[in-house]
Amino acid sequence: MKQSDIFRDNADNCLQLAERADGQPAHKRYSRMADAWTALANEQDWLDGEIPPLAVHTAPRRRA
């Protein structure tokens, strides 16, 4: 199993915990944890060469 798949499993677990959470603070905490695990999985995919880096578009330079 790839490392990024493990991270995504952790994100899924956090989402399940968020659904069963008692109260808004716990729900938000688990949801943020799921977002963090997902971001980490995406980063790992990039590091492993699974996905290309995002192209950065810059605004054209103005001439003075």
PDB file of N, CA and C in Angstrom:
ATOM      1  N   MET A   1       0.854  -1.179   0.000  1.00  0.00           N
ATOM      2  CA  MET A   1       0.000   0.000   0.000  1.00  0.00           C
ATOM      3  C   MET A   1       0.896   1.236   0.000  1.00  0.00           C
ATOM      4  N   LYS A   2       0.521   2.195  -0.851  1.00  0.00           N
ATOM      5  CA  LYS A   2       1.285   3.434  -0.922  1.00  0.00           C
ATOM      6  C   LYS A   2       1.059   4.273   0.341  1.00  0.00           C
ATOM      7  N   GLN A   3       2.057   5.073   0.652  1.00  0.00           N
ATOM      8  CA  GLN A   3       1.967   5.951   1.817  1.00  0.00           C
ATOM      9  C   GLN A   3       0.780   6.900   1.680  1.00  0.00           C
ATOM     10  N   SER A   4       0.554   7.414   0.471  1.00  0.00           N
ATOM     11  CA  SER A   4      -0.560   8.351   0.286  1.00  0.00           C
ATOM     12  C   SER A   4      -1.910   7.663   0.518  1.00  0.00           C
ATOM     13  N   ASP A   5      -2.009   6.374   0.217  1.00  0.00           N
ATOM     14  CA  ASP A   5      -3.251   5.641   0.491  1.00  0.00           C
ATOM     15  C   ASP A   5      -3.496   5.525   1.996  1.00  0.00           C
ATOM     16  N   ILE A   6      -2.432   5.334   2.744  1.00  0.00           N
ATOM     17  CA  ILE A   6      -2.555   5.282   4.213  1.00  0.00           C
ATOM     18  C   ILE A   6      -3.042   6.637   4.736  1.00  0.00           C
ATOM     19  N   PHE A   7      -2.491   7.723   4.180  1.00  0.00           N
ATOM     20  CA  PHE A   7      -2.918   9.056   4.589  1.00  0.00           C
ATOM     21  C   PHE A   7      -4.403   9.275   4.260  1.00  0.00           C
ATOM     22  N   ARG A   8      -4.831   8.791   3.096  1.00  0.00           N
ATOM     23  CA  ARG A   8      -6.242   8.947   2.728  1.00  0.00           C
ATOM     24  C   ARG A   8      -7.151   8.105   3.627  1.00  0.00           C
ATOM     25  N   ASP A   9      -6.678   6.938   4.045  1.00  0.00           N
ATOM     26  CA  ASP A   9      -7.440   6.133   5.012  1.00  0.00           C
ATOM     27  C   ASP A   9      -7.598   6.895   6.326  1.00  0.00           C
ATOM     28  N   ASN A  10      -6.533   7.567   6.751  1.00  0.00           N
ATOM     29  CA  ASN A  10      -6.610   8.379   7.967  1.00  0.00           C
ATOM     30  C   ASN A  10      -7.620   9.506   7.795  1.00  0.00           C
ATOM     31  N   ALA A  11      -7.645  10.124   6.603  1.00  0.00           N
ATOM     32  CA  ALA A  11      -8.618  11.187   6.337  1.00  0.00           C
ATOM     33  C   ALA A  11     -10.037  10.639   6.414  1.00  0.00           C
ATOM     34  N   ASP A  12     -10.262   9.451   5.848  1.00  0.00           N
ATOM     35  CA  ASP A  12     -11.594   8.835   5.914  1.00  0.00           C
ATOM     36  C   ASP A  12     -11.998   8.548   7.356  1.00  0.00           C
ATOM     37  N   ASN A  13     -11.059   8.073   8.152  1.00  0.00           N
ATOM     38  CA  ASN A  13     -11.353   7.818   9.571  1.00  0.00           C
ATOM     39  C   ASN A  13     -11.752   9.101  10.285  1.00  0.00           C
ATOM     40  N   CYS A  14     -11.054  10.184   9.979  1.00  0.00           N
ATOM     41  CA  CYS A  14     -11.381  11.467  10.601  1.00  0.00           C
ATOM     42  C   CYS A  14     -12.776  11.936  10.188  1.00  0.00           C
ATOM     43  N   LEU A  15     -13.127  11.724   8.926  1.00  0.00           N
ATOM     44  CA  LEU A  15     -14.466  12.113   8.478  1.00  0.00           C
ATOM     45  C   LEU A  15     -15.540  11.297   9.182  1.00  0.00           C
ATOM     46  N   GLN A  16     -15.275  10.021   9.409  1.00  0.00           N
ATOM     47  CA  GLN A  16     -16.229   9.194  10.148  1.00  0.00           C
ATOM     48  C   GLN A  16     -16.365   9.682  11.582  1.00  0.00           C
ATOM     49  N   LEU A  17     -15.247  10.050  12.193  1.00  0.00           N
ATOM     50  CA  LEU A  17     -15.302  10.585  13.549  1.00  0.00           C
ATOM     51  C   LEU A  17     -16.065  11.913  13.581  1.00  0.00           C
ATOM     52  N   ALA A  18     -15.888  12.723  12.534  1.00  0.00           N
ATOM     53  CA  ALA A  18     -16.599  14.002  12.471  1.00  0.00           C
ATOM     54  C   ALA A  18     -18.109  13.781  12.404  1.00  0.00           C
ATOM     55  N   GLU A  19     -18.528  12.760  11.654  1.00  0.00           N
ATOM     56  CA  GLU A  19     -19.958  12.474  11.550  1.00  0.00           C
ATOM     57  C   GLU A  19     -20.560  12.057  12.886  1.00  0.00           C
ATOM     58  N   ARG A  20     -19.775  11.395  13.710  1.00  0.00           N
ATOM     59  CA  ARG A  20     -20.276  10.909  15.002  1.00  0.00           C
ATOM     60  C   ARG A  20     -19.944  11.845  16.164  1.00  0.00           C
ATOM     61  N   ALA A  21     -19.314  12.952  15.870  1.00  0.00           N
ATOM     62  CA  ALA A  21     -18.862  13.859  16.927  1.00  0.00           C
ATOM     63  C   ALA A  21     -20.036  14.483  17.671  1.00  0.00           C
ATOM     64  N   ASP A  22     -19.814  14.670  18.959  1.00  0.00           N
ATOM     65  CA  ASP A  22     -20.794  15.369  19.789  1.00  0.00           C
ATOM     66  C   ASP A  22     -20.410  16.838  19.847  1.00  0.00           C
ATOM     67  N   GLY A  23     -21.164  17.655  19.148  1.00  0.00           N
ATOM     68  CA  GLY A  23     -20.923  19.093  19.212  1.00  0.00           C
ATOM     69  C   GLY A  23     -20.100  19.598  18.041  1.00  0.00           C
ATOM     70  N   GLN A  24     -20.268  20.878  17.792  1.00  0.00           N
ATOM     71  CA  GLN A  24     -19.608  21.541  16.671  1.00  0.00           C
ATOM     72  C   GLN A  24     -18.085  21.609  16.808  1.00  0.00           C
ATOM     73  N   PRO A  25     -17.519  21.908  17.990  1.00  0.00           N
ATOM     74  CA  PRO A  25     -16.053  21.981  18.076  1.00  0.00           C
ATOM     75  C   PRO A  25     -15.367  20.667  17.672  1.00  0.00           C
ATOM     76  N   ALA A  26     -15.889  19.548  18.141  1.00  0.00           N
ATOM     77  CA  ALA A  26     -15.284  18.258  17.793  1.00  0.00           C
ATOM     78  C   ALA A  26     -15.459  17.972  16.300  1.00  0.00           C
ATOM     79  N   HIS A  27     -16.629  18.281  15.765  1.00  0.00           N
ATOM     80  CA  HIS A  27     -16.870  18.071  14.338  1.00  0.00           C
ATOM     81  C   HIS A  27     -15.872  18.874  13.504  1.00  0.00           C
ATOM     82  N   LYS A  28     -15.691  20.134  13.836  1.00  0.00           N
ATOM     83  CA  LYS A  28     -14.757  20.987  13.102  1.00  0.00           C
ATOM     84  C   LYS A  28     -13.326  20.479  13.232  1.00  0.00           C
ATOM     85  N   ARG A  29     -12.956  20.028  14.410  1.00  0.00           N
ATOM     86  CA  ARG A  29     -11.606  19.524  14.642  1.00  0.00           C
ATOM     87  C   ARG A  29     -11.322  18.311  13.766  1.00  0.00           C
ATOM     88  N   TYR A  30     -12.251  17.348  13.742  1.00  0.00           N
ATOM     89  CA  TYR A  30     -12.051  16.158  12.918  1.00  0.00           C
ATOM     90  C   TYR A  30     -12.080  16.501  11.433  1.00  0.00           C
ATOM     91  N   SER A  31     -12.907  17.440  11.042  1.00  0.00           N
ATOM     92  CA  SER A  31     -12.954  17.848   9.635  1.00  0.00           C
ATOM     93  C   SER A  31     -11.641  18.498   9.209  1.00  0.00           C
ATOM     94  N   ARG A  32     -11.080  19.337  10.074  1.00  0.00           N
ATOM     95  CA  ARG A  32      -9.781  19.944   9.767  1.00  0.00           C
ATOM     96  C   ARG A  32      -8.687  18.889   9.703  1.00  0.00           C
ATOM     97  N   MET A  33      -8.758  17.901  10.573  1.00  0.00           N
ATOM     98  CA  MET A  33      -7.771  16.814  10.536  1.00  0.00           C
ATOM     99  C   MET A  33      -7.891  16.037   9.227  1.00  0.00           C
ATOM    100  N   ALA A  34      -9.108  15.790   8.770  1.00  0.00           N
ATOM    101  CA  ALA A  34      -9.311  15.098   7.499  1.00  0.00           C
ATOM    102  C   ALA A  34      -8.724  15.912   6.344  1.00  0.00           C
ATOM    103  N   ASP A  35      -8.932  17.220   6.367  1.00  0.00           N
ATOM    104  CA  ASP A  35      -8.365  18.077   5.328  1.00  0.00           C
ATOM    105  C   ASP A  35      -6.836  18.017   5.338  1.00  0.00           C
ATOM    106  N   ALA A  36      -6.263  18.001   6.524  1.00  0.00           N
ATOM    107  CA  ALA A  36      -4.803  17.941   6.639  1.00  0.00           C
ATOM    108  C   ALA A  36      -4.252  16.614   6.118  1.00  0.00           C
ATOM    109  N   TRP A  37      -4.912  15.501   6.456  1.00  0.00           N
ATOM    110  CA  TRP A  37      -4.478  14.192   5.954  1.00  0.00           C
ATOM    111  C   TRP A  37      -4.592  14.130   4.431  1.00  0.00           C
ATOM    112  N   THR A  38      -5.655  14.709   3.877  1.00  0.00           N
ATOM    113  CA  THR A  38      -5.832  14.719   2.430  1.00  0.00           C
ATOM    114  C   THR A  38      -4.736  15.542   1.753  1.00  0.00           C
ATOM    115  N   ALA A  39      -4.434  16.690   2.322  1.00  0.00           N
ATOM    116  CA  ALA A  39      -3.364  17.523   1.773  1.00  0.00           C
ATOM    117  C   ALA A  39      -2.025  16.783   1.834  1.00  0.00           C
ATOM    118  N   LEU A  40      -1.792  16.082   2.930  1.00  0.00           N
ATOM    119  CA  LEU A  40      -0.561  15.316   3.063  1.00  0.00           C
ATOM    120  C   LEU A  40      -0.500  14.195   2.028  1.00  0.00           C
ATOM    121  N   ALA A  41      -1.619  13.546   1.774  1.00  0.00           N
ATOM    122  CA  ALA A  41      -1.669  12.480   0.758  1.00  0.00           C
ATOM    123  C   ALA A  41      -1.368  13.052  -0.629  1.00  0.00           C
ATOM    124  N   ASN A  42      -1.941  14.196  -0.938  1.00  0.00           N
ATOM    125  CA  ASN A  42      -1.667  14.827  -2.233  1.00  0.00           C
ATOM    126  C   ASN A  42      -0.203  15.210  -2.360  1.00  0.00           C
ATOM    127  N   GLU A  43       0.361  15.728  -1.302  1.00  0.00           N
ATOM    128  CA  GLU A  43       1.784  16.094  -1.295  1.00  0.00           C
ATOM    129  C   GLU A  43       2.652  14.850  -1.502  1.00  0.00           C
ATOM    130  N   GLN A  44       2.283  13.755  -0.864  1.00  0.00           N
ATOM    131  CA  GLN A  44       3.042  12.515  -1.011  1.00  0.00           C
ATOM    132  C   GLN A  44       2.958  11.993  -2.447  1.00  0.00           C
ATOM    133  N   ASP A  45       1.768  12.091  -3.053  1.00  0.00           N
ATOM    134  CA  ASP A  45       1.633  11.701  -4.459  1.00  0.00           C
ATOM    135  C   ASP A  45       2.558  12.528  -5.341  1.00  0.00           C
ATOM    136  N   TRP A  46       2.642  13.818  -5.061  1.00  0.00           N
ATOM    137  CA  TRP A  46       3.535  14.687  -5.828  1.00  0.00           C
ATOM    138  C   TRP A  46       4.986  14.281  -5.612  1.00  0.00           C
ATOM    139  N   LEU A  47       5.361  14.047  -4.361  1.00  0.00           N
ATOM    140  CA  LEU A  47       6.737  13.641  -4.068  1.00  0.00           C
ATOM    141  C   LEU A  47       7.093  12.321  -4.738  1.00  0.00           C
ATOM    142  N   ASP A  48       6.118  11.428  -4.852  1.00  0.00           N
ATOM    143  CA  ASP A  48       6.343  10.128  -5.477  1.00  0.00           C
ATOM    144  C   ASP A  48       6.267  10.194  -7.002  1.00  0.00           C
ATOM    145  N   GLY A  49       5.993  11.368  -7.556  1.00  0.00           N
ATOM    146  CA  GLY A  49       5.915  11.527  -8.999  1.00  0.00           C
ATOM    147  C   GLY A  49       4.610  11.049  -9.594  1.00  0.00           C
ATOM    148  N   GLU A  50       3.599  10.857  -8.753  1.00  0.00           N
ATOM    149  CA  GLU A  50       2.298  10.375  -9.230  1.00  0.00           C
ATOM    150  C   GLU A  50       1.493  11.475  -9.920  1.00  0.00           C
ATOM    151  N   ILE A  51       1.675  12.713  -9.461  1.00  0.00           N
ATOM    152  CA  ILE A  51       0.961  13.836 -10.061  1.00  0.00           C
ATOM    153  C   ILE A  51       1.987  14.928 -10.366  1.00  0.00           C
ATOM    154  N   PRO A  52       1.761  15.683 -11.445  1.00  0.00           N
ATOM    155  CA  PRO A  52       2.707  16.748 -11.788  1.00  0.00           C
ATOM    156  C   PRO A  52       2.531  17.948 -10.860  1.00  0.00           C
ATOM    157  N   PRO A  53       3.582  18.748 -10.727  1.00  0.00           N
ATOM    158  CA  PRO A  53       3.434  19.970  -9.923  1.00  0.00           C
ATOM    159  C   PRO A  53       2.465  20.919 -10.609  1.00  0.00           C
ATOM    160  N   LEU A  54       1.836  21.755  -9.823  1.00  0.00           N
ATOM    161  CA  LEU A  54       0.906  22.743 -10.368  1.00  0.00           C
ATOM    162  C   LEU A  54       1.685  23.829 -11.085  1.00  0.00           C
ATOM    163  N   ALA A  55       1.176  24.253 -12.210  1.00  0.00           N
ATOM    164  CA  ALA A  55       1.802  25.357 -12.934  1.00  0.00           C
ATOM    165  C   ALA A  55       1.463  26.657 -12.222  1.00  0.00           C
ATOM    166  N   VAL A  56       2.448  27.493 -12.035  1.00  0.00           N
ATOM    167  CA  VAL A  56       2.245  28.781 -11.391  1.00  0.00           C
ATOM    168  C   VAL A  56       2.169  29.840 -12.479  1.00  0.00           C
ATOM    169  N   HIS A  57       1.059  30.527 -12.523  1.00  0.00           N
ATOM    170  CA  HIS A  57       0.877  31.584 -13.511  1.00  0.00           C
ATOM    171  C   HIS A  57       1.150  32.914 -12.843  1.00  0.00           C
ATOM    172  N   THR A  58       1.971  33.700 -13.481  1.00  0.00           N
ATOM    173  CA  THR A  58       2.275  35.018 -12.949  1.00  0.00           C
ATOM    174  C   THR A  58       1.696  36.080 -13.875  1.00  0.00           C
ATOM    175  N   ALA A  59       1.395  37.218 -13.318  1.00  0.00           N
ATOM    176  CA  ALA A  59       0.866  38.325 -14.097  1.00  0.00           C
ATOM    177  C   ALA A  59       1.990  38.890 -14.964  1.00  0.00           C
ATOM    178  N   PRO A  60       1.639  39.313 -16.156  1.00  0.00           N
ATOM    179  CA  PRO A  60       2.670  39.919 -17.012  1.00  0.00           C
ATOM    180  C   PRO A  60       3.250  41.165 -16.346  1.00  0.00           C
ATOM    181  N   ARG A  61       4.521  41.380 -16.582  1.00  0.00           N
ATOM    182  CA  ARG A  61       5.180  42.544 -15.994  1.00  0.00           C
ATOM    183  C   ARG A  61       4.821  43.797 -16.777  1.00  0.00           C
ATOM    184  N   ARG A  62       4.612  44.847 -16.057  1.00  0.00           N
ATOM    185  CA  ARG A  62       4.324  46.151 -16.704  1.00  0.00           C
ATOM    186  C   ARG A  62       5.629  46.825 -17.094  1.00  0.00           C
ATOM    187  N   ARG A  63       5.568  47.458 -18.205  1.00  0.00           N
ATOM    188  CA  ARG A  63       6.736  48.247 -18.613  1.00  0.00           C
ATOM    189  C   ARG A  63       6.552  49.666 -18.124  1.00  0.00           C
ATOM    190  N   ALA A  64       7.630  50.237 -17.655  1.00  0.00           N
ATOM    191  CA  ALA A  64       7.559  51.603 -17.134  1.00  0.00           C
ATOM    192  C   ALA A  64       7.713  52.621 -18.222  1.00  0.00           C
TER     193      ALA A  64
END
